[in-house]
């Protein structure tokens, strides 16, 4: 495992598979993330408009770089069905070298796009 300061894991939930898969396709094709996994059947409990909500959702686990986070967040805000989507980024402290190398190949730096 390699120490990492760049790879970010982003969690996003949505209540429709169609919305999750559409967002995943867009952010991968736009090179805002290297990989997006969609996990079905996540039950979320939260307060919304003074009501306790229990909702079956899809969890998106998005792998990206720190450099891409702001653009990724903006794109999710544009594509998401929710008024206030959950977008939580956590740095990955260690990553296998082979995965890190793969990410660097498929997800070019913004500096390379100039």
C-alpha atoms as a PDB file:
ATOM      1  CA  UNK A   1       0.000   0.000   0.000  1.00  0.00           C
ATOM      2  CA  UNK A   2       1.162   3.495  -0.830  1.00  0.00           C
ATOM      3  CA  UNK A   3       0.613   6.556   1.333  1.00  0.00           C
ATOM      4  CA  UNK A   4      -1.860   8.767  -0.467  1.00  0.00           C
ATOM      5  CA  UNK A   5      -2.686  12.457  -0.411  1.00  0.00           C
ATOM      6  CA  UNK A   6      -4.660  12.631  -3.642  1.00  0.00           C
ATOM      7  CA  UNK A   7      -7.249   9.843  -3.919  1.00  0.00           C
ATOM      8  CA  UNK A   8     -10.670  10.780  -2.547  1.00  0.00           C
ATOM      9  CA  UNK A   9     -13.664   8.524  -1.905  1.00  0.00           C
ATOM     10  CA  UNK A  10     -16.935  10.398  -2.448  1.00  0.00           C
ATOM     11  CA  UNK A  11     -20.259   9.113  -1.147  1.00  0.00           C
ATOM     12  CA  UNK A  12     -23.522  10.192  -2.781  1.00  0.00           C
ATOM     13  CA  UNK A  13     -27.003   8.744  -2.242  1.00  0.00           C
ATOM     14  CA  UNK A  14     -30.020   8.903  -4.534  1.00  0.00           C
ATOM     15  CA  UNK A  15     -33.405   7.198  -4.481  1.00  0.00           C
ATOM     16  CA  UNK A  16     -33.508   6.034  -8.113  1.00  0.00           C
ATOM     17  CA  UNK A  17     -31.128   3.668  -9.886  1.00  0.00           C
ATOM     18  CA  UNK A  18     -31.690   5.614 -13.118  1.00  0.00           C
ATOM     19  CA  UNK A  19     -30.405   8.808 -11.483  1.00  0.00           C
ATOM     20  CA  UNK A  20     -27.377   7.011  -9.999  1.00  0.00           C
ATOM     21  CA  UNK A  21     -26.434   5.305 -13.268  1.00  0.00           C
ATOM     22  CA  UNK A  22     -26.917   8.509 -15.291  1.00  0.00           C
ATOM     23  CA  UNK A  23     -24.689  10.447 -12.877  1.00  0.00           C
ATOM     24  CA  UNK A  24     -22.078   7.668 -12.925  1.00  0.00           C
ATOM     25  CA  UNK A  25     -21.972   7.571 -16.728  1.00  0.00           C
ATOM     26  CA  UNK A  26     -21.639  11.357 -16.934  1.00  0.00           C
ATOM     27  CA  UNK A  27     -18.916  11.800 -14.331  1.00  0.00           C
ATOM     28  CA  UNK A  28     -16.847   8.917 -15.748  1.00  0.00           C
ATOM     29  CA  UNK A  29     -17.176  10.077 -19.370  1.00  0.00           C
ATOM     30  CA  UNK A  30     -16.330  13.657 -18.313  1.00  0.00           C
ATOM     31  CA  UNK A  31     -13.234  12.342 -16.473  1.00  0.00           C
ATOM     32  CA  UNK A  32     -14.361  13.739 -13.128  1.00  0.00           C
ATOM     33  CA  UNK A  33     -13.829  10.325 -11.525  1.00  0.00           C
ATOM     34  CA  UNK A  34     -11.969   7.122 -12.338  1.00  0.00           C
ATOM     35  CA  UNK A  35     -14.610   4.732 -11.002  1.00  0.00           C
ATOM     36  CA  UNK A  36     -18.114   4.859  -9.602  1.00  0.00           C
ATOM     37  CA  UNK A  37     -19.760   1.928  -7.841  1.00  0.00           C
ATOM     38  CA  UNK A  38     -23.518   1.905  -7.264  1.00  0.00           C
ATOM     39  CA  UNK A  39     -24.666  -0.101  -4.250  1.00  0.00           C
ATOM     40  CA  UNK A  40     -28.409  -0.896  -4.099  1.00  0.00           C
ATOM     41  CA  UNK A  41     -30.656  -1.306  -1.059  1.00  0.00           C
ATOM     42  CA  UNK A  42     -29.177   1.193   1.353  1.00  0.00           C
ATOM     43  CA  UNK A  43     -31.721   2.299   3.948  1.00  0.00           C
ATOM     44  CA  UNK A  44     -31.253   5.896   5.056  1.00  0.00           C
ATOM     45  CA  UNK A  45     -32.925   7.629   7.999  1.00  0.00           C
ATOM     46  CA  UNK A  46     -32.907  11.425   8.144  1.00  0.00           C
ATOM     47  CA  UNK A  47     -34.965  14.476   9.063  1.00  0.00           C
ATOM     48  CA  UNK A  48     -36.472  16.441   6.201  1.00  0.00           C
ATOM     49  CA  UNK A  49     -38.950  19.288   6.621  1.00  0.00           C
ATOM     50  CA  UNK A  50     -39.492  18.344  10.279  1.00  0.00           C
ATOM     51  CA  UNK A  51     -40.326  14.708   9.466  1.00  0.00           C
ATOM     52  CA  UNK A  52     -38.332  11.549  10.110  1.00  0.00           C
ATOM     53  CA  UNK A  53     -37.802   9.934   6.720  1.00  0.00           C
ATOM     54  CA  UNK A  54     -36.884   6.297   6.069  1.00  0.00           C
ATOM     55  CA  UNK A  55     -35.845   5.851   2.468  1.00  0.00           C
ATOM     56  CA  UNK A  56     -34.472   3.023   0.326  1.00  0.00           C
ATOM     57  CA  UNK A  57     -31.591   4.547  -1.633  1.00  0.00           C
ATOM     58  CA  UNK A  58     -28.632   3.748  -3.855  1.00  0.00           C
ATOM     59  CA  UNK A  59     -25.165   4.568  -2.532  1.00  0.00           C
ATOM     60  CA  UNK A  60     -22.650   5.815  -5.046  1.00  0.00           C
ATOM     61  CA  UNK A  61     -19.009   5.276  -4.109  1.00  0.00           C
ATOM     62  CA  UNK A  62     -16.952   7.507  -6.371  1.00  0.00           C
ATOM     63  CA  UNK A  63     -13.161   7.381  -6.664  1.00  0.00           C
ATOM     64  CA  UNK A  64     -11.543  10.635  -7.756  1.00  0.00           C
ATOM     65  CA  UNK A  65      -8.662  12.995  -7.018  1.00  0.00           C
ATOM     66  CA  UNK A  66      -8.558  16.016  -4.727  1.00  0.00           C
ATOM     67  CA  UNK A  67      -8.005  18.168  -7.810  1.00  0.00           C
ATOM     68  CA  UNK A  68     -11.335  17.030  -9.328  1.00  0.00           C
ATOM     69  CA  UNK A  69     -13.492  17.410  -6.179  1.00  0.00           C
ATOM     70  CA  UNK A  70     -14.941  20.866  -6.847  1.00  0.00           C
ATOM     71  CA  UNK A  71     -15.835  20.078 -10.461  1.00  0.00           C
ATOM     72  CA  UNK A  72     -17.293  16.730  -9.389  1.00  0.00           C
ATOM     73  CA  UNK A  73     -19.414  18.375  -6.697  1.00  0.00           C
ATOM     74  CA  UNK A  74     -20.722  20.970  -9.161  1.00  0.00           C
ATOM     75  CA  UNK A  75     -21.626  18.286 -11.702  1.00  0.00           C
ATOM     76  CA  UNK A  76     -23.414  16.149  -9.107  1.00  0.00           C
ATOM     77  CA  UNK A  77     -25.393  19.237  -8.016  1.00  0.00           C
ATOM     78  CA  UNK A  78     -26.473  19.741 -11.654  1.00  0.00           C
ATOM     79  CA  UNK A  79     -27.475  16.117 -12.265  1.00  0.00           C
ATOM     80  CA  UNK A  80     -28.916  15.050  -8.902  1.00  0.00           C
ATOM     81  CA  UNK A  81     -32.664  14.799  -8.249  1.00  0.00           C
ATOM     82  CA  UNK A  82     -32.437  15.929  -4.612  1.00  0.00           C
ATOM     83  CA  UNK A  83     -32.659  19.570  -3.582  1.00  0.00           C
ATOM     84  CA  UNK A  84     -29.749  18.983  -1.183  1.00  0.00           C
ATOM     85  CA  UNK A  85     -27.773  15.925  -2.278  1.00  0.00           C
ATOM     86  CA  UNK A  86     -25.462  14.146   0.119  1.00  0.00           C
ATOM     87  CA  UNK A  87     -21.904  14.654  -1.164  1.00  0.00           C
ATOM     88  CA  UNK A  88     -19.234  13.540   1.306  1.00  0.00           C
ATOM     89  CA  UNK A  89     -15.556  13.182   0.398  1.00  0.00           C
ATOM     90  CA  UNK A  90     -13.072  11.229   2.488  1.00  0.00           C
ATOM     91  CA  UNK A  91      -9.360  11.008   1.678  1.00  0.00           C
ATOM     92  CA  UNK A  92      -8.007   7.488   1.231  1.00  0.00           C
ATOM     93  CA  UNK A  93      -4.912   7.362   3.428  1.00  0.00           C
ATOM     94  CA  UNK A  94      -3.408   4.328   1.671  1.00  0.00           C
ATOM     95  CA  UNK A  95      -3.998   2.886  -1.788  1.00  0.00           C
ATOM     96  CA  UNK A  96      -2.485  -0.055  -3.637  1.00  0.00           C
ATOM     97  CA  UNK A  97       0.181   1.158  -6.046  1.00  0.00           C
ATOM     98  CA  UNK A  98      -1.405  -0.655  -8.992  1.00  0.00           C
ATOM     99  CA  UNK A  99      -4.787   1.035  -8.369  1.00  0.00           C
ATOM    100  CA  UNK A 100      -3.140   4.430  -7.964  1.00  0.00           C
ATOM    101  CA  UNK A 101      -1.226   3.954 -11.225  1.00  0.00           C
ATOM    102  CA  UNK A 102      -4.441   2.924 -13.016  1.00  0.00           C
ATOM    103  CA  UNK A 103      -6.260   6.017 -11.689  1.00  0.00           C
ATOM    104  CA  UNK A 104      -3.469   8.274 -12.894  1.00  0.00           C
ATOM    105  CA  UNK A 105      -3.737   6.734 -16.379  1.00  0.00           C
ATOM    106  CA  UNK A 106      -7.527   7.032 -16.736  1.00  0.00           C
ATOM    107  CA  UNK A 107      -7.974  10.326 -14.896  1.00  0.00           C
ATOM    108  CA  UNK A 108      -5.649  12.957 -16.333  1.00  0.00           C
ATOM    109  CA  UNK A 109      -4.712  15.961 -14.247  1.00  0.00           C
ATOM    110  CA  UNK A 110      -6.420  19.258 -15.038  1.00  0.00           C
ATOM    111  CA  UNK A 111      -2.912  20.574 -15.790  1.00  0.00           C
ATOM    112  CA  UNK A 112      -2.688  18.075 -18.672  1.00  0.00           C
ATOM    113  CA  UNK A 113      -5.875  19.460 -20.233  1.00  0.00           C
ATOM    114  CA  UNK A 114      -4.501  22.954 -20.854  1.00  0.00           C
END
